[in-house]
Amino acid sequence: MGDAWTLVTGASGGIGVELARLSAADGRNVILSARSGAKLEALAEELRAAHGVSVEAIAADLSEAGGADALWSKAVAGRRIDFLINNAGLGRNGRFAGGRAGDDGWAREAASIEVNVMALTRLTKLAVMVMKAAGAGRILNVASTAAFMPGPGMAVYHATKAYVVSLSRALGAELKGSGVTVSALCPGPTETGFFDAADMRGAPILSLMRPQDPQAVARVGYRAALRGKAVAVPGVMNNASVWGAKLSPAALSTFIAGRLMAKG
């Protein structure tokens, strides 16, 4: 795998870090990307020392228009990417119609759409064109169990993750037989920095469901991508919640999701 590279977005913490570690442990060269350059450099040093692979760190803000194209241009300079992991993601807890005084939440919601939908789609598009021409490649899009139900209190986040699963399934079908696979990883609550960034501390779901270990979640996603599995949901409780949402009337699953996300 000497000339094969994995590009991991959102690689400064949580699931992204663990996916990068798994890739490097497989002997793959890794390109790390996130907003925090210092965290990326520290992880890069760790992976080089532990696995003897080449690691590049590229600081990028995917919430900025054109951020995905700029990242891809730097990432492919002299390198062949045959594994793309779209892990970067943003969310916001709060009612869509309003937030705190002077803050209606739109800035965070717009950034979430830009990262979760626009940047992910653009990177996937660029990767698919290269991988299809080469006849091989893997794409892992990190979605969420939120994809399977509307989420009052986190309406935009749930909608973006539903998009990610739908896109991944459709592309997987389009690319069947091409040597390129697309998988969606759908974790439930996971112990990462997402809860604080999304202002979710205090939401009932964190009391009812113990957050999973990001290392365990990453292993499920990584193995799913290697097998070309369309959708992977880690954990018994998460699978139960997904099936419950699928089998319940839409109004009921929406009501339950809203109660789990509300912070009083």
Protein backbone atom coordinates (compact mmCIF):
# COMPACT_ATOMS: atom_id res chain seq x y z
CA MET A 1 0.00 0.00 0.00
CA GLY A 2 3.02 2.25 -0.35
CA ASP A 3 1.41 4.75 -2.71
CA ALA A 4 -2.16 4.44 -1.37
CA TRP A 5 -3.51 7.31 0.72
CA THR A 6 -6.50 7.71 2.97
CA LEU A 7 -7.98 11.20 3.41
CA VAL A 8 -9.76 11.70 6.74
CA THR A 9 -11.74 14.87 7.45
CA GLY A 10 -12.61 15.85 11.00
CA ALA A 11 -9.42 14.09 12.06
CA SER A 12 -8.61 16.22 15.11
CA GLY A 13 -10.68 14.22 17.60
CA GLY A 14 -13.20 11.49 18.34
CA ILE A 15 -14.17 9.06 15.60
CA GLY A 16 -11.94 10.78 13.04
CA VAL A 17 -8.80 10.19 15.11
CA GLU A 18 -9.67 6.53 15.56
CA LEU A 19 -10.38 6.02 11.86
CA ALA A 20 -7.01 7.59 11.03
CA ARG A 21 -5.31 5.24 13.50
CA LEU A 22 -6.99 2.20 11.98
CA SER A 23 -5.95 3.26 8.50
CA ALA A 24 -2.33 3.83 9.52
CA ALA A 25 -2.27 0.49 11.37
CA ASP A 26 -3.21 -1.12 8.04
CA GLY A 27 -0.04 0.34 6.54
CA ARG A 28 -1.82 3.07 4.65
CA ASN A 29 -0.48 6.59 4.24
CA VAL A 30 -2.85 9.12 5.75
CA ILE A 31 -3.87 12.71 5.04
CA LEU A 32 -5.39 14.32 8.13
CA SER A 33 -7.66 17.33 7.83
CA ALA A 34 -9.54 19.49 10.33
CA ARG A 35 -9.56 23.10 11.45
CA SER A 36 -7.01 22.59 14.25
CA GLY A 37 -3.56 22.36 12.72
CA ALA A 38 -1.84 21.76 16.08
CA LYS A 39 -3.96 18.69 16.88
CA LEU A 40 -3.38 17.31 13.40
CA GLU A 41 0.39 17.65 13.69
CA ALA A 42 0.39 15.85 17.04
CA LEU A 43 -1.62 12.96 15.59
CA ALA A 44 0.60 12.89 12.50
CA GLU A 45 3.69 12.44 14.66
CA GLU A 46 1.98 9.65 16.59
CA LEU A 47 1.01 7.74 13.44
CA ARG A 48 4.41 8.08 11.82
CA ALA A 49 6.17 6.81 14.94
CA ALA A 50 3.74 3.96 15.59
CA HIS A 51 3.29 2.62 12.06
CA GLY A 52 6.07 3.96 9.86
CA VAL A 53 3.67 5.40 7.30
CA SER A 54 3.66 8.78 5.60
CA VAL A 55 1.24 11.25 7.16
CA GLU A 56 0.33 14.73 5.96
CA ALA A 57 -1.68 17.28 7.94
CA ILE A 58 -3.77 19.84 6.08
CA ALA A 59 -5.66 22.41 8.14
CA ALA A 60 -8.94 23.29 6.41
CA ASP A 61 -12.29 24.82 7.30
CA LEU A 62 -14.98 22.97 5.36
CA SER A 63 -17.66 25.40 6.53
CA GLU A 64 -16.19 27.99 4.17
CA ALA A 65 -17.41 28.07 0.58
CA GLY A 66 -14.80 26.41 -1.62
CA GLY A 67 -13.17 24.72 1.36
CA ALA A 68 -13.69 21.22 -0.02
CA ASP A 69 -12.11 22.04 -3.39
CA ALA A 70 -9.15 23.70 -1.70
CA LEU A 71 -8.61 20.68 0.54
CA TRP A 72 -8.85 18.19 -2.32
CA SER A 73 -6.41 20.17 -4.43
CA LYS A 74 -3.81 20.08 -1.65
CA ALA A 75 -4.53 16.46 -0.76
CA VAL A 76 -4.04 15.04 -4.28
CA ALA A 77 -0.86 16.96 -5.03
CA GLY A 78 1.50 14.10 -5.92
CA ARG A 79 -0.70 11.54 -4.15
CA ARG A 80 -3.27 8.88 -5.10
CA ILE A 81 -6.25 8.83 -2.75
CA ASP A 82 -8.17 5.56 -2.86
CA PHE A 83 -9.94 5.84 0.49
CA LEU A 84 -11.96 8.89 1.50
CA ILE A 85 -13.41 9.19 5.00
CA ASN A 86 -15.89 12.06 5.32
CA ASN A 87 -16.02 12.37 9.09
CA ALA A 88 -16.25 16.15 9.59
CA GLY A 89 -19.65 17.19 10.90
CA LEU A 90 -21.43 19.99 12.74
CA GLY A 91 -24.74 20.29 14.55
CA ARG A 92 -26.80 22.62 16.72
CA ASN A 93 -29.23 21.85 19.52
CA GLY A 94 -32.11 24.35 19.66
CA ARG A 95 -35.46 25.15 18.17
CA PHE A 96 -35.34 26.11 14.49
CA ALA A 97 -37.65 29.11 15.03
CA GLY A 98 -35.46 30.81 17.58
CA GLY A 99 -32.55 30.67 19.97
CA ARG A 100 -30.98 32.91 22.53
CA ALA A 101 -31.62 36.65 22.36
CA GLY A 102 -29.74 38.06 19.39
CA ASP A 103 -28.86 34.60 18.06
CA ASP A 104 -31.39 32.69 15.95
CA GLY A 105 -28.93 29.85 15.37
CA TRP A 106 -28.67 30.39 11.64
CA ALA A 107 -24.90 30.82 11.51
CA ARG A 108 -24.38 27.39 13.07
CA GLU A 109 -27.11 25.78 10.97
CA ALA A 110 -25.70 27.22 7.76
CA ALA A 111 -22.23 25.96 8.70
CA SER A 112 -23.72 22.53 9.44
CA ILE A 113 -25.29 22.38 5.98
CA GLU A 114 -22.04 23.50 4.38
CA VAL A 115 -19.97 20.83 6.17
CA ASN A 116 -22.45 17.93 6.44
CA VAL A 117 -23.93 18.30 2.96
CA MET A 118 -22.02 20.57 0.61
CA ALA A 119 -18.43 19.71 1.54
CA LEU A 120 -19.17 16.00 1.96
CA THR A 121 -20.89 15.87 -1.42
CA ARG A 122 -18.15 17.79 -3.18
CA LEU A 123 -15.34 15.65 -1.75
CA THR A 124 -17.30 12.52 -2.61
CA LYS A 125 -17.83 13.77 -6.17
CA LEU A 126 -14.15 14.53 -6.65
CA ALA A 127 -13.12 11.19 -5.15
CA VAL A 128 -15.61 9.14 -7.18
CA MET A 129 -14.31 10.54 -10.47
CA VAL A 130 -10.72 9.62 -9.60
CA MET A 131 -11.55 6.23 -8.08
CA LYS A 132 -13.87 5.16 -10.87
CA ALA A 133 -11.22 5.94 -13.45
CA ALA A 134 -8.75 3.83 -11.47
CA GLY A 135 -11.26 1.00 -11.02
CA ALA A 136 -10.96 0.90 -7.23
CA GLY A 137 -11.69 2.94 -4.14
CA ARG A 138 -13.61 3.19 -0.89
CA ILE A 139 -15.66 6.04 0.55
CA LEU A 140 -16.92 6.10 4.12
CA ASN A 141 -19.42 8.83 4.98
CA VAL A 142 -20.06 9.32 8.68
CA ALA A 143 -23.77 9.94 9.20
CA SER A 144 -25.76 9.22 12.39
CA THR A 145 -28.73 7.32 13.76
CA ALA A 146 -30.34 10.78 13.52
CA ALA A 147 -30.65 10.03 9.79
CA PHE A 148 -33.57 7.67 10.41
CA MET A 149 -35.99 10.09 12.08
CA PRO A 150 -36.86 13.79 12.00
CA GLY A 151 -35.42 15.55 15.05
CA PRO A 152 -37.32 18.45 16.59
CA GLY A 153 -34.72 20.40 18.53
CA MET A 154 -32.01 19.44 16.03
CA ALA A 155 -34.02 19.65 12.82
CA VAL A 156 -31.20 20.71 10.50
CA TYR A 157 -28.71 18.16 11.84
CA HIS A 158 -31.14 15.27 11.45
CA ALA A 159 -32.03 16.42 7.93
CA THR A 160 -28.38 16.63 6.86
CA LYS A 161 -27.64 13.13 8.13
CA ALA A 162 -30.69 11.71 6.32
CA TYR A 163 -29.19 13.25 3.18
CA VAL A 164 -25.85 11.56 3.83
CA VAL A 165 -27.41 8.10 4.13
CA SER A 166 -29.59 8.61 1.06
CA LEU A 167 -26.67 9.86 -1.01
CA SER A 168 -24.41 7.02 0.11
CA ARG A 169 -26.98 4.35 -0.72
CA ALA A 170 -27.69 5.84 -4.14
CA LEU A 171 -24.03 6.17 -5.07
CA GLY A 172 -23.32 2.65 -3.89
CA ALA A 173 -25.98 1.39 -6.30
CA GLU A 174 -24.69 3.56 -9.16
CA LEU A 175 -21.13 2.36 -8.65
CA LYS A 176 -21.88 -1.35 -8.32
CA GLY A 177 -19.37 -3.32 -10.34
CA SER A 178 -17.00 -0.38 -10.75
CA GLY A 179 -14.63 -1.36 -7.96
CA VAL A 180 -15.69 1.69 -5.94
CA THR A 181 -17.82 1.30 -2.82
CA VAL A 182 -19.66 3.85 -0.68
CA SER A 183 -20.60 3.15 2.93
CA ALA A 184 -22.43 5.17 5.58
CA LEU A 185 -21.53 4.83 9.26
CA CYS A 186 -24.45 5.73 11.54
CA PRO A 187 -23.37 6.02 15.17
CA GLY A 188 -25.62 7.03 18.00
CA PRO A 189 -24.35 9.15 20.91
CA THR A 190 -20.56 8.80 20.99
CA GLU A 191 -18.15 10.30 23.49
CA THR A 192 -16.57 13.03 21.37
CA GLY A 193 -16.43 16.82 21.43
CA PHE A 194 -19.63 16.96 19.35
CA PHE A 195 -21.95 17.28 22.36
CA ASP A 196 -20.26 20.43 23.61
CA ALA A 197 -19.90 21.98 20.15
CA ALA A 198 -23.58 21.32 19.38
CA ASP A 199 -24.73 22.58 22.81
CA MET A 200 -26.26 19.18 23.62
CA ARG A 201 -25.21 18.79 27.25
CA GLY A 202 -28.41 18.39 29.24
CA ALA A 203 -30.39 16.71 26.45
CA PRO A 204 -32.28 13.65 27.82
CA ILE A 205 -30.78 11.32 25.22
CA LEU A 206 -27.40 11.55 26.96
CA SER A 207 -28.95 10.27 30.18
CA LEU A 208 -30.91 7.47 28.56
CA MET A 209 -28.16 6.17 26.25
CA ARG A 210 -24.59 5.83 27.45
CA PRO A 211 -22.34 7.35 24.77
CA GLN A 212 -20.24 4.78 22.92
CA ASP A 213 -16.47 4.68 22.79
CA PRO A 214 -15.26 6.34 19.55
CA GLN A 215 -12.69 3.57 19.05
CA ALA A 216 -15.40 0.90 18.95
CA VAL A 217 -17.53 3.01 16.60
CA ALA A 218 -14.58 3.60 14.28
CA ARG A 219 -13.83 -0.13 14.08
CA VAL A 220 -17.38 -0.86 12.94
CA GLY A 221 -17.20 1.85 10.27
CA TYR A 222 -13.76 0.90 9.04
CA ARG A 223 -14.66 -2.76 8.67
CA ALA A 224 -17.89 -1.85 6.92
CA ALA A 225 -15.98 0.26 4.41
CA LEU A 226 -13.50 -2.54 3.72
CA ARG A 227 -16.41 -4.90 3.01
CA GLY A 228 -18.31 -2.34 0.97
CA LYS A 229 -21.30 -2.53 3.32
CA ALA A 230 -23.91 0.10 2.49
CA VAL A 231 -24.92 1.15 6.01
CA ALA A 232 -23.37 0.27 9.37
CA VAL A 233 -25.00 1.02 12.73
CA PRO A 234 -22.71 0.25 15.70
CA GLY A 235 -24.20 -1.17 18.89
CA VAL A 236 -27.28 -3.13 19.88
CA MET A 237 -29.13 -0.13 21.35
CA ASN A 238 -28.49 1.98 18.28
CA ASN A 239 -29.74 -0.76 15.99
CA ALA A 240 -32.83 -1.11 18.15
CA SER A 241 -33.53 2.62 17.95
CA VAL A 242 -33.11 2.62 14.16
CA TRP A 243 -35.46 -0.31 13.70
CA GLY A 244 -37.90 1.26 16.13
CA ALA A 245 -37.92 4.43 14.05
CA LYS A 246 -38.43 2.45 10.84
CA LEU A 247 -41.34 0.44 12.24
CA SER A 248 -43.08 3.25 14.14
CA PRO A 249 -45.50 5.76 12.61
CA ALA A 250 -43.57 8.84 11.52
CA ALA A 251 -45.49 11.07 13.94
CA LEU A 252 -44.51 8.86 16.88
CA SER A 253 -40.81 8.62 16.04
CA THR A 254 -40.71 12.39 15.48
CA PHE A 255 -42.37 13.01 18.86
CA ILE A 256 -39.95 10.68 20.66
CA ALA A 257 -36.91 12.24 18.97
CA GLY A 258 -38.11 15.69 19.97
CA ARG A 259 -38.46 14.67 23.61
CA LEU A 260 -34.97 13.16 23.60
CA MET A 261 -33.37 16.30 22.14
CA ALA A 262 -35.21 18.94 24.22
CA LYS A 263 -33.25 20.50 27.07
CA GLY A 264 -36.22 21.65 29.14
